[in-house]
Amino acid sequence: MKCGYIDIADGQIHYKTKGTGTCIVFLHQSPLSSDEYTDLIPLISDRFHKLAFDSMGHGNSSDPPREFDIEDFARTTIDALNKLGITRVSLVGHHTGALIAVEIAAVYPDRVEKLILSGCPVYSPEEWKTFLSQPMTRDIPMTEDGSFLVKAWQKYHGLTPDSSLQTCFKPFIIALKSRTRPYDAHFAAGRYIVKPKLGMIKAPTLLVSGDKDMFINQLDSTRRLIRNCTTSVIKGGGLFLNFEVPGEFARAISDFMRRQKG
């Protein structure tokens, strides 16, 4: 994979790229980065141009000039694609990345060929309020002896207790960088009203969930809100699907890209 930076009005967006041909854009969950797809991207044919962005305020991209909403993350993704001269793509989004993908597909329908949403959260404002009231790892106060790192690790591993320590350690290390960033995109997700946007999607859509994902119970109800939508459940996948079972997720993406026509 090659890496690069794109200059847009709000700063710089960092990206990874591999392959040529029809473009698939990968959008990560918060507080991670394009590193979420490092294991998965090489498993998809290089006949596709695979492009993974660090959303602004994540990974090696610039911090946004203000607290972003999901609409801002979508707009800056389109800005980056414009700078690269890419007009039409398929989108893969996981958790927060799925919401960004929904916004792009709904508001910029001519830009989206196919849509793959993994663990797409469809919470009511009240459910988001409850979710966001739980302290994240970045909210654990720092201590001189470093014991806060143990507490953060215990909380993070608790999100996927069935995953191996090695699997959980990768996203944990990536997420630690979020402590140095000014904003938490989970709050952007909490402000986003997703249901009306799901009904605006025109692209053929694959709705994916790991069987251990926290949003799997929403799979059928979400499918009914999207036209031309199929579903897939990936055994052994959860919050860190891309680290836990990258081969199975890559296979689901490849199969969908082959069988569906935009």
Protein backbone atom coordinates (compact mmCIF):
# COMPACT_ATOMS: atom_id res chain seq x y z
CA MET A 1 0.00 0.00 0.00
CA LYS A 2 1.07 3.55 -0.72
CA CYS A 3 0.24 6.55 1.45
CA GLY A 4 -0.29 10.21 0.68
CA TYR A 5 -1.88 13.49 1.72
CA ILE A 6 -4.59 15.57 0.05
CA ASP A 7 -4.91 19.30 0.65
CA ILE A 8 -8.51 20.48 1.08
CA ALA A 9 -9.96 23.72 2.42
CA ASP A 10 -10.21 22.36 6.00
CA GLY A 11 -6.67 20.91 6.16
CA GLN A 12 -4.95 17.72 5.03
CA ILE A 13 -6.47 14.26 4.67
CA HIS A 14 -4.16 11.25 4.90
CA TYR A 15 -4.94 8.16 2.83
CA LYS A 16 -3.77 4.69 1.85
CA THR A 17 -4.16 3.32 -1.67
CA LYS A 18 -3.65 0.02 -3.48
CA GLY A 19 -4.66 -1.37 -6.88
CA THR A 20 -6.26 0.17 -9.97
CA GLY A 21 -9.69 0.09 -11.57
CA THR A 22 -13.12 0.60 -10.02
CA CYS A 23 -12.65 2.58 -6.80
CA ILE A 24 -13.71 1.31 -3.37
CA VAL A 25 -13.42 3.84 -0.54
CA PHE A 26 -13.06 2.53 3.03
CA LEU A 27 -14.31 4.67 5.93
CA HIS A 28 -13.24 3.71 9.45
CA GLN A 29 -14.95 3.80 12.82
CA SER A 30 -14.09 6.33 15.50
CA PRO A 31 -11.63 6.75 17.19
CA LEU A 32 -9.55 4.61 14.80
CA SER A 33 -8.04 5.42 11.39
CA SER A 34 -7.45 3.88 7.97
CA ASP A 35 -5.19 1.41 9.82
CA GLU A 36 -8.46 -0.37 10.61
CA TYR A 37 -8.37 -1.72 7.04
CA THR A 38 -4.66 -2.63 6.83
CA ASP A 39 -5.35 -6.37 7.17
CA LEU A 40 -8.43 -6.33 4.92
CA ILE A 41 -7.36 -4.29 1.87
CA PRO A 42 -4.67 -6.73 0.61
CA LEU A 43 -7.31 -9.50 0.62
CA ILE A 44 -9.39 -7.71 -2.05
CA SER A 45 -8.31 -7.96 -5.69
CA ASP A 46 -5.98 -5.29 -7.03
CA ARG A 47 -8.36 -5.02 -9.98
CA PHE A 48 -10.10 -2.57 -7.64
CA HIS A 49 -8.59 0.78 -6.67
CA LYS A 50 -8.82 0.58 -2.88
CA LEU A 51 -8.69 3.89 -1.07
CA ALA A 52 -8.82 4.30 2.73
CA PHE A 53 -9.03 7.77 4.28
CA ASP A 54 -8.20 8.94 7.78
CA SER A 55 -11.24 11.07 8.62
CA MET A 56 -10.29 14.55 9.79
CA GLY A 57 -9.30 14.51 13.44
CA HIS A 58 -8.21 10.85 13.17
CA GLY A 59 -4.99 9.05 12.30
CA ASN A 60 -2.58 11.29 10.39
CA SER A 61 -5.19 13.71 9.04
CA SER A 62 -5.44 17.28 10.29
CA ASP A 63 -7.66 18.19 13.21
CA PRO A 64 -10.81 19.85 11.86
CA PRO A 65 -11.11 23.63 12.33
CA ARG A 66 -14.17 23.09 14.54
CA GLU A 67 -16.16 20.19 15.95
CA PHE A 68 -17.44 18.31 12.90
CA ASP A 69 -20.83 16.76 12.27
CA ILE A 70 -21.29 13.63 10.14
CA GLU A 71 -22.25 15.94 7.28
CA ASP A 72 -18.83 17.62 7.55
CA PHE A 73 -16.98 14.30 7.48
CA ALA A 74 -18.96 13.37 4.35
CA ARG A 75 -18.26 16.71 2.67
CA THR A 76 -14.53 16.53 3.31
CA THR A 77 -14.47 12.98 1.92
CA ILE A 78 -16.08 14.29 -1.27
CA ASP A 79 -13.57 17.18 -1.30
CA ALA A 80 -10.72 14.65 -1.14
CA LEU A 81 -12.19 12.58 -3.97
CA ASN A 82 -12.57 15.71 -6.07
CA LYS A 83 -8.91 16.56 -5.54
CA LEU A 84 -7.99 13.05 -6.68
CA GLY A 85 -10.22 13.38 -9.75
CA ILE A 86 -12.42 10.44 -8.71
CA THR A 87 -16.08 10.95 -9.60
CA ARG A 88 -17.79 7.65 -8.71
CA VAL A 89 -16.96 5.08 -6.04
CA SER A 90 -18.28 2.22 -3.99
CA LEU A 91 -18.22 2.84 -0.24
CA VAL A 92 -17.42 0.57 2.69
CA GLY A 93 -18.10 2.03 6.13
CA HIS A 94 -17.83 0.47 9.59
CA HIS A 95 -19.72 1.95 12.59
CA THR A 96 -19.03 5.74 12.48
CA GLY A 97 -17.70 5.19 8.96
CA ALA A 98 -21.03 3.60 8.05
CA LEU A 99 -22.85 6.80 9.05
CA ILE A 100 -20.47 8.87 6.91
CA ALA A 101 -21.10 6.47 4.03
CA VAL A 102 -24.87 6.80 4.50
CA GLU A 103 -24.61 10.59 4.33
CA ILE A 104 -22.51 10.46 1.16
CA ALA A 105 -24.87 7.97 -0.51
CA ALA A 106 -27.95 10.00 0.45
CA VAL A 107 -26.70 13.49 -0.37
CA TYR A 108 -24.33 12.69 -3.25
CA PRO A 109 -26.16 9.78 -4.93
CA ASP A 110 -24.48 10.29 -8.33
CA ARG A 111 -21.10 9.65 -6.68
CA VAL A 112 -21.94 6.21 -5.24
CA GLU A 113 -22.00 2.98 -7.24
CA LYS A 114 -22.50 0.48 -4.40
CA LEU A 115 -22.74 0.78 -0.63
CA ILE A 116 -21.53 -1.60 2.09
CA LEU A 117 -22.48 -0.70 5.65
CA SER A 118 -21.02 -2.66 8.56
CA GLY A 119 -22.45 -2.31 12.05
CA CYS A 120 -24.46 0.75 11.04
CA PRO A 121 -25.83 2.34 14.24
CA VAL A 122 -29.47 3.42 14.06
CA TYR A 123 -30.03 4.84 17.52
CA SER A 124 -32.73 7.24 18.68
CA PRO A 125 -31.52 10.48 20.36
CA GLU A 126 -32.37 8.91 23.72
CA GLU A 127 -30.33 5.78 22.96
CA TRP A 128 -27.38 7.91 21.86
CA LYS A 129 -27.64 9.94 25.07
CA THR A 130 -27.38 6.74 27.11
CA PHE A 131 -24.51 5.42 24.97
CA LEU A 132 -22.52 8.66 25.16
CA SER A 133 -23.02 8.96 28.93
CA GLN A 134 -20.72 5.95 29.34
CA PRO A 135 -17.09 7.06 29.75
CA MET A 136 -14.84 6.29 26.78
CA THR A 137 -11.19 5.31 27.22
CA ARG A 138 -10.18 8.90 26.42
CA ASP A 139 -12.22 10.06 29.44
CA ILE A 140 -10.14 8.08 31.92
CA PRO A 141 -7.96 10.68 33.72
CA MET A 142 -4.21 10.43 33.14
CA THR A 143 -2.01 9.46 36.08
CA GLU A 144 1.71 9.92 36.66
CA ASP A 145 2.28 6.22 37.22
CA GLY A 146 0.54 5.28 33.97
CA SER A 147 -2.11 3.19 35.72
CA PHE A 148 -4.75 4.94 33.57
CA LEU A 149 -3.45 2.90 30.64
CA VAL A 150 -4.34 -0.33 32.45
CA LYS A 151 -7.85 0.98 33.11
CA ALA A 152 -8.19 2.06 29.49
CA TRP A 153 -7.02 -1.36 28.31
CA GLN A 154 -9.46 -3.17 30.61
CA LYS A 155 -12.33 -1.06 29.27
CA TYR A 156 -11.27 -1.54 25.65
CA HIS A 157 -10.81 -5.28 25.91
CA GLY A 158 -14.14 -5.45 27.69
CA LEU A 159 -15.79 -4.28 24.47
CA THR A 160 -14.74 -7.52 22.75
CA PRO A 161 -13.98 -10.03 25.53
CA ASP A 162 -14.00 -12.97 23.11
CA SER A 163 -11.25 -11.50 20.91
CA SER A 164 -7.63 -12.50 21.40
CA LEU A 165 -5.39 -10.06 23.25
CA GLN A 166 -3.36 -9.50 20.06
CA THR A 167 -6.49 -8.67 18.05
CA CYS A 168 -7.75 -6.19 20.62
CA PHE A 169 -4.32 -4.62 21.13
CA LYS A 170 -4.12 -3.26 17.57
CA PRO A 171 -7.22 -1.01 17.74
CA PHE A 172 -6.36 -0.11 21.34
CA ILE A 173 -3.01 1.34 20.28
CA ILE A 174 -4.60 3.24 17.38
CA ALA A 175 -7.35 4.60 19.64
CA LEU A 176 -4.89 5.92 22.24
CA LYS A 177 -4.03 8.73 19.82
CA SER A 178 -7.57 10.03 20.22
CA ARG A 179 -6.61 11.34 23.66
CA THR A 180 -4.49 13.97 21.93
CA ARG A 181 -7.29 15.14 19.60
CA PRO A 182 -9.70 17.96 20.45
CA TYR A 183 -12.94 16.27 19.35
CA ASP A 184 -14.64 12.89 19.65
CA ALA A 185 -16.60 11.86 16.53
CA HIS A 186 -18.91 9.70 18.63
CA PHE A 187 -20.72 12.92 19.51
CA ALA A 188 -21.10 13.73 15.82
CA ALA A 189 -22.67 10.28 15.42
CA GLY A 190 -24.99 11.01 18.34
CA ARG A 191 -26.24 14.20 16.67
CA TYR A 192 -26.83 12.54 13.29
CA ILE A 193 -30.42 11.66 12.40
CA VAL A 194 -29.81 8.62 10.22
CA LYS A 195 -33.25 7.11 9.54
CA PRO A 196 -34.46 9.69 6.95
CA LYS A 197 -31.13 9.39 5.13
CA LEU A 198 -31.45 5.61 4.84
CA GLY A 199 -34.63 6.09 2.83
CA MET A 200 -32.77 8.38 0.40
CA ILE A 201 -30.17 5.77 -0.57
CA LYS A 202 -30.38 4.74 -4.23
CA ALA A 203 -27.26 2.58 -4.55
CA PRO A 204 -27.46 -1.21 -4.17
CA THR A 205 -26.60 -1.80 -0.52
CA LEU A 206 -25.11 -4.63 1.51
CA LEU A 207 -25.82 -4.37 5.22
CA VAL A 208 -23.23 -6.33 7.18
CA SER A 209 -22.92 -7.22 10.83
CA GLY A 210 -20.61 -9.43 12.79
CA ASP A 211 -22.59 -11.89 14.89
CA LYS A 212 -21.05 -10.31 18.01
CA ASP A 213 -21.51 -6.69 16.95
CA MET A 214 -23.46 -4.49 19.36
CA PHE A 215 -25.77 -3.39 16.52
CA ILE A 216 -26.67 -6.81 15.10
CA ASN A 217 -30.16 -6.63 16.60
CA GLN A 218 -30.84 -3.67 14.29
CA LEU A 219 -29.97 -5.55 11.10
CA ASP A 220 -33.49 -6.48 9.93
CA SER A 221 -35.15 -3.19 10.93
CA THR A 222 -32.42 -1.20 9.17
CA ARG A 223 -32.67 -3.33 6.04
CA ARG A 224 -36.36 -2.43 5.73
CA LEU A 225 -35.46 1.27 5.58
CA ILE A 226 -33.13 0.89 2.56
CA ARG A 227 -34.28 0.10 -0.98
CA ASN A 228 -32.41 -2.65 -2.83
CA CYS A 229 -30.69 -3.90 0.32
CA THR A 230 -29.37 -7.34 1.24
CA THR A 231 -27.81 -8.48 4.51
CA SER A 232 -24.89 -10.62 5.59
CA VAL A 233 -23.91 -11.85 9.06
CA ILE A 234 -20.23 -12.62 9.58
CA LYS A 235 -19.47 -15.26 12.19
CA GLY A 236 -16.86 -14.28 14.74
CA GLY A 237 -17.05 -10.56 13.98
CA GLY A 238 -17.78 -7.82 16.45
CA LEU A 239 -16.79 -4.23 17.11
CA PHE A 240 -13.34 -4.89 15.62
CA LEU A 241 -14.56 -6.89 12.62
CA ASN A 242 -11.67 -5.74 10.42
CA PHE A 243 -9.11 -7.08 12.88
CA GLU A 244 -11.04 -10.17 14.00
CA VAL A 245 -12.16 -11.69 10.69
CA PRO A 246 -10.72 -9.60 7.82
CA GLY A 247 -10.83 -12.55 5.40
CA GLU A 248 -14.55 -13.12 5.89
CA PHE A 249 -15.35 -9.41 5.55
CA ALA A 250 -13.18 -9.14 2.42
CA ARG A 251 -15.02 -12.12 0.94
CA ALA A 252 -18.41 -10.51 1.63
CA ILE A 253 -17.27 -7.27 -0.02
CA SER A 254 -15.82 -9.06 -3.06
CA ASP A 255 -18.91 -11.23 -3.55
CA PHE A 256 -21.19 -8.20 -3.39
CA MET A 257 -19.06 -6.22 -5.82
CA ARG A 258 -19.20 -9.11 -8.31
CA ARG A 259 -22.91 -9.95 -8.13
CA GLN A 260 -24.52 -6.54 -7.86
CA LYS A 261 -24.81 -4.06 -10.69
CA GLY A 262 -24.99 -0.37 -9.82
